[in-house]
Protein backbone atom coordinates (compact mmCIF):
# COMPACT_ATOMS: atom_id res chain seq x y z
CA MET A 1 28.83 -24.47 83.89
CA MET A 2 28.52 -21.14 85.54
CA ILE A 3 27.41 -19.17 82.62
CA ALA A 4 23.38 -20.23 82.21
CA TYR A 5 22.11 -19.87 78.60
CA PRO A 6 20.09 -18.75 77.38
CA TYR A 7 21.75 -15.73 79.27
CA LYS A 8 20.13 -13.48 81.65
CA LYS A 9 22.33 -10.81 82.76
CA ASP A 10 23.40 -11.30 86.47
CA ARG A 11 24.25 -8.53 89.20
CA ARG A 12 27.58 -10.53 89.95
CA PHE A 13 30.09 -10.59 87.29
CA PHE A 14 32.60 -13.68 86.70
CA LEU A 15 36.03 -14.08 85.86
CA LEU A 16 38.23 -15.39 83.45
CA ALA A 17 41.89 -15.36 84.91
CA GLY A 18 45.48 -17.35 84.49
CA PRO A 19 48.10 -17.20 82.99
CA CYS A 20 48.60 -16.75 79.21
CA VAL A 21 49.92 -19.81 77.96
CA ILE A 22 50.63 -23.10 79.98
CA GLU A 23 54.40 -22.81 80.71
CA ASP A 24 55.04 -25.74 82.61
CA GLU A 25 53.20 -28.74 84.07
CA SER A 26 52.97 -27.59 87.40
CA ALA A 27 52.68 -23.86 87.86
CA PRO A 28 49.39 -23.26 86.28
CA LEU A 29 48.02 -26.10 88.94
CA ARG A 30 49.17 -23.94 91.73
CA VAL A 31 47.60 -20.34 90.28
CA ALA A 32 44.31 -22.15 89.33
CA GLU A 33 44.09 -23.28 92.98
CA GLN A 34 44.88 -19.36 94.64
CA LEU A 35 42.31 -17.94 92.02
CA ALA A 36 39.71 -20.47 92.37
CA GLU A 37 40.29 -20.70 96.79
CA THR A 38 39.85 -16.63 96.25
CA CYS A 39 36.76 -16.41 94.05
CA GLN A 40 34.80 -19.12 96.01
CA ARG A 41 35.40 -16.51 99.02
CA LEU A 42 34.60 -13.71 97.23
CA GLY A 43 31.41 -15.46 95.69
CA ILE A 44 32.58 -14.53 92.37
CA PRO A 45 31.99 -17.27 89.40
CA PHE A 46 35.58 -18.27 88.39
CA VAL A 47 36.90 -19.94 84.95
CA PHE A 48 40.57 -20.40 84.54
CA LYS A 49 42.37 -19.15 81.46
CA ALA A 50 45.67 -20.60 79.94
CA SER A 51 45.98 -20.99 76.18
CA TYR A 52 47.54 -24.69 75.22
CA ARG A 53 49.21 -22.62 72.24
CA LYS A 54 50.24 -19.35 71.66
CA ALA A 55 49.74 -18.75 67.70
CA ASN A 56 50.37 -15.20 67.31
CA ARG A 57 53.58 -14.33 68.34
CA SER A 58 55.82 -11.05 66.44
CA ARG A 59 59.36 -13.28 66.75
CA LEU A 60 60.17 -16.26 65.37
CA ASP A 61 61.73 -17.41 68.45
CA SER A 62 59.19 -16.71 70.98
CA PHE A 63 57.78 -19.23 73.30
CA THR A 64 54.97 -20.90 71.91
CA GLY A 65 54.04 -23.77 74.24
CA ILE A 66 54.93 -26.89 76.10
CA GLY A 67 53.22 -28.87 73.06
CA ASP A 68 49.40 -29.41 72.43
CA GLU A 69 49.18 -32.59 74.22
CA LYS A 70 51.19 -32.40 77.26
CA ALA A 71 49.39 -28.32 77.80
CA LEU A 72 45.78 -29.80 77.06
CA LYS A 73 46.39 -32.34 80.08
CA VAL A 74 47.42 -29.76 81.71
CA LEU A 75 44.53 -27.97 81.24
CA GLU A 76 42.42 -31.01 82.03
CA LYS A 77 43.95 -31.83 85.64
CA VAL A 78 43.08 -28.25 86.58
CA ARG A 79 39.85 -28.75 85.60
CA GLU A 80 39.50 -32.50 86.77
CA SER A 81 41.33 -31.79 90.33
CA LEU A 82 39.60 -28.53 90.98
CA GLY A 83 36.37 -28.91 89.72
CA ILE A 84 36.65 -25.70 87.49
CA PRO A 85 35.75 -25.09 84.24
CA VAL A 86 38.47 -23.89 81.83
CA VAL A 87 38.69 -21.81 78.43
CA THR A 88 41.61 -22.11 75.78
CA ASP A 89 42.10 -20.33 72.68
CA ILE A 90 41.84 -21.95 69.05
CA HIS A 91 43.65 -20.81 66.14
CA ALA A 92 42.16 -23.16 63.51
CA PRO A 93 38.65 -25.62 62.56
CA GLU A 94 41.36 -28.59 62.88
CA GLU A 95 41.57 -27.69 66.50
CA ALA A 96 38.48 -27.08 67.88
CA ALA A 97 37.29 -30.95 68.36
CA MET A 98 40.41 -31.57 70.39
CA ALA A 99 40.49 -28.41 72.66
CA ALA A 100 36.83 -29.38 72.81
CA GLN A 101 37.58 -32.67 75.01
CA VAL A 102 38.83 -30.63 77.60
CA ALA A 103 37.91 -27.12 77.74
CA ASP A 104 34.36 -25.25 78.49
CA ILE A 105 34.65 -22.32 76.99
CA LEU A 106 36.49 -21.93 73.40
CA GLN A 107 38.25 -18.43 72.66
CA ILE A 108 38.28 -17.27 69.52
CA PRO A 109 41.26 -14.67 69.47
CA ALA A 110 40.75 -10.96 68.43
CA PHE A 111 42.60 -11.42 64.99
CA LEU A 112 40.76 -14.32 63.85
CA CYS A 113 36.92 -12.93 65.15
CA ARG A 114 36.10 -12.76 61.64
CA GLN A 115 37.00 -16.33 59.92
CA THR A 116 34.15 -17.99 59.73
CA ASP A 117 35.14 -21.55 59.28
CA LEU A 118 36.70 -21.05 63.09
CA LEU A 119 33.82 -19.98 64.20
CA VAL A 120 31.58 -22.43 62.83
CA ALA A 121 33.90 -25.24 64.01
CA ALA A 122 33.90 -23.82 67.64
CA ALA A 123 29.96 -23.82 67.53
CA LYS A 124 29.41 -27.31 65.95
CA THR A 125 31.46 -28.53 69.62
CA GLY A 126 28.47 -27.50 71.51
CA LYS A 127 30.85 -25.88 73.94
CA VAL A 128 30.23 -22.13 74.92
CA VAL A 129 32.21 -19.90 72.26
CA ASN A 130 33.80 -16.80 73.52
CA VAL A 131 34.58 -14.37 70.75
CA LYS A 132 37.21 -11.38 71.22
CA LYS A 133 36.19 -8.67 69.08
CA GLY A 134 38.96 -7.34 66.74
CA GLN A 135 41.05 -4.78 67.10
CA PHE A 136 39.80 -3.26 64.07
CA VAL A 137 36.49 -4.17 64.45
CA SER A 138 33.17 -2.13 65.71
CA GLY A 139 31.11 -3.40 68.77
CA GLU A 140 28.18 -3.23 66.13
CA SER A 141 29.83 -5.90 63.53
CA MET A 142 30.45 -8.20 66.20
CA GLY A 143 26.84 -8.99 65.85
CA PHE A 144 28.14 -11.17 62.88
CA ALA A 145 30.19 -13.05 64.76
CA VAL A 146 27.43 -13.84 67.12
CA GLU A 147 24.74 -14.66 63.90
CA LYS A 148 27.33 -17.17 62.44
CA VAL A 149 27.81 -19.00 66.09
CA ARG A 150 23.98 -19.50 66.17
CA ARG A 151 23.07 -20.22 62.69
CA SER A 152 25.71 -22.99 63.31
CA GLY A 153 23.68 -24.34 66.17
CA ASN A 154 24.89 -22.91 69.24
CA ASP A 155 23.44 -20.06 71.28
CA LYS A 156 26.21 -20.50 73.89
CA VAL A 157 28.51 -17.45 72.12
CA MET A 158 29.74 -14.61 74.53
CA LEU A 159 31.77 -12.04 73.50
CA THR A 160 35.09 -9.78 75.12
CA GLU A 161 36.26 -6.12 74.30
CA ARG A 162 40.17 -5.69 74.31
CA GLY A 163 40.53 -2.83 72.57
CA SER A 164 41.34 -1.21 69.40
CA MET A 165 43.90 0.14 67.92
CA PHE A 166 45.28 3.39 68.33
CA GLY A 167 48.22 4.18 66.01
CA TYR A 168 50.60 1.17 65.74
CA GLN A 169 51.92 0.50 69.46
CA ASP A 170 48.72 1.62 71.32
CA LEU A 171 44.81 0.79 72.01
CA VAL A 172 41.72 2.22 73.27
CA VAL A 173 38.82 0.90 74.99
CA ASP A 174 35.82 2.38 73.97
CA TYR A 175 33.80 1.59 76.69
CA ARG A 176 30.20 2.28 74.44
CA ASN A 177 30.96 -1.22 72.98
CA ILE A 178 30.11 -3.04 76.80
CA PRO A 179 25.91 -1.73 76.24
CA VAL A 180 26.09 -2.35 72.35
CA MET A 181 27.76 -5.93 72.45
CA GLN A 182 24.89 -6.69 75.08
CA GLY A 183 22.30 -5.66 72.88
CA PHE A 184 22.90 -8.67 70.95
CA ASN A 185 21.79 -11.25 74.17
CA VAL A 186 25.07 -12.50 75.00
CA PRO A 187 27.28 -11.52 78.37
CA VAL A 188 30.05 -8.96 77.12
CA VAL A 189 33.57 -9.31 79.07
CA LEU A 190 35.99 -6.93 79.14
CA ASP A 191 39.63 -7.87 78.79
CA VAL A 192 41.69 -5.65 80.94
CA THR A 193 45.48 -6.92 80.51
CA HIS A 194 45.42 -6.95 76.57
CA SER A 195 43.55 -4.12 76.24
CA LEU A 196 46.67 -2.41 77.82
CA GLN A 197 49.03 -3.82 75.39
CA GLN A 198 51.55 -1.78 73.23
CA PRO A 199 52.06 -4.21 70.24
CA ASN A 200 54.25 -3.92 67.69
CA GLN A 201 57.54 -2.96 69.56
CA THR A 202 60.97 -2.83 67.25
CA SER A 203 62.39 -5.06 69.69
CA GLY A 204 59.40 -7.90 68.53
CA VAL A 205 58.03 -8.04 72.19
CA THR A 206 54.88 -6.85 73.25
CA GLY A 207 54.91 -3.74 75.54
CA GLY A 208 52.07 -2.89 78.21
CA ARG A 209 50.67 -0.62 81.17
CA PRO A 210 49.92 -3.07 83.71
CA GLU A 211 49.65 -0.11 85.73
CA LEU A 212 46.20 0.80 84.76
CA ILE A 213 44.72 -2.66 85.46
CA ALA A 214 42.92 -1.72 88.06
CA VAL A 215 41.43 1.56 86.30
CA MET A 216 40.30 -0.63 83.10
CA ALA A 217 38.86 -3.40 85.16
CA LYS A 218 36.92 -0.50 87.55
CA ALA A 219 35.40 1.49 84.57
CA GLY A 220 34.52 -2.09 83.02
CA ILE A 221 32.39 -2.98 85.80
CA ALA A 222 30.79 0.79 86.14
CA ALA A 223 30.38 0.27 82.21
CA GLY A 224 28.08 -2.81 82.95
CA ALA A 225 30.78 -5.72 81.89
CA ASP A 226 29.23 -8.93 82.95
CA GLY A 227 32.65 -10.70 83.20
CA ILE A 228 36.40 -9.52 83.49
CA PHE A 229 39.36 -11.38 81.63
CA MET A 230 42.74 -11.13 83.09
CA GLU A 231 45.73 -12.63 83.00
CA THR A 232 48.01 -12.96 85.61
CA HIS A 233 51.43 -14.61 86.86
CA PRO A 234 53.52 -15.33 90.27
CA ASP A 235 55.98 -13.27 88.48
CA PRO A 236 55.38 -11.51 85.32
CA ALA A 237 59.00 -10.36 84.73
CA HIS A 238 59.91 -14.43 84.20
CA ALA A 239 56.48 -15.07 82.27
CA LYS A 240 57.47 -16.66 78.73
CA SER A 241 54.46 -14.67 77.43
CA ASP A 242 52.83 -11.28 77.42
CA GLY A 243 54.82 -10.56 80.70
CA ALA A 244 54.89 -6.53 79.96
CA ASN A 245 50.39 -6.45 80.51
CA MET A 246 49.78 -9.35 82.91
CA LEU A 247 48.66 -8.59 86.79
CA PRO A 248 50.86 -9.83 90.03
CA LEU A 249 49.00 -12.79 91.53
CA ASP A 250 49.43 -11.20 94.82
CA LYS A 251 47.22 -7.90 93.61
CA VAL A 252 44.15 -10.29 92.19
CA GLU A 253 42.21 -10.60 95.22
CA PRO A 254 42.62 -6.56 96.63
CA LEU A 255 41.45 -6.06 92.97
CA LEU A 256 38.62 -8.36 93.13
CA ARG A 257 37.18 -6.66 96.47
CA GLN A 258 37.25 -3.16 94.77
CA LEU A 259 35.24 -4.04 91.49
CA ILE A 260 32.55 -6.35 94.04
CA ALA A 261 32.39 -2.70 95.87
CA ILE A 262 31.33 -1.03 92.55
CA ARG A 263 28.86 -3.98 91.72
CA GLU A 264 27.26 -3.70 94.59
CA ALA A 265 27.13 0.04 94.85
CA LEU A 266 25.44 0.03 90.79
């Protein structure tokens, strides 16, 4: 596993990246191959990210996945064929053991960061648990989420900043949350794509500001983030989920090179 526990801050940052959701059986492997090759060449520890199912959708007719079993097999194929760790979301306690058969990191969605049964179930798998900070939660209060995981017998926990609600249809990132949450002695990740979402649109489809992803990422590295989370797709305009705030795949490497330069300057 590329994140060592007990956690000690590393001068390198790591990357969690991939498409929002498993859309089919072949595209995720191609995306993972390109990201893995890029990160290996640049010396960046890499975890492939894709949700096997999207449970939090505004509209009933929104795409949610290709089926849990099929999607998890795709993640398993990525993990085994490329030899890289994978991270995926879970949404209910009964999903934890199932996803843990494939995933190295179980991710708790921001809206669910206070769900005790979910955190406990994830902790008991023994996998790394990445808890996303709720849009309605302060950095200081995320210490309680860390405590729930640790008191359930698992010290392998990390936190992700992904913005706070600003009105009904926007988010802002308080970069103070990065050092605040690092104060719990856990790695802290900045989610640079979901932080730029514009939720609650009248169309029922979330908007975004992808042109600001590079700004968000560079500010996060300058603020000392341990990792960067981003969703990326070869053709975001035709992505089946969260296309409005994903980074085109061909723009990932130039951004990573800028982030490396900033981290080295620090």
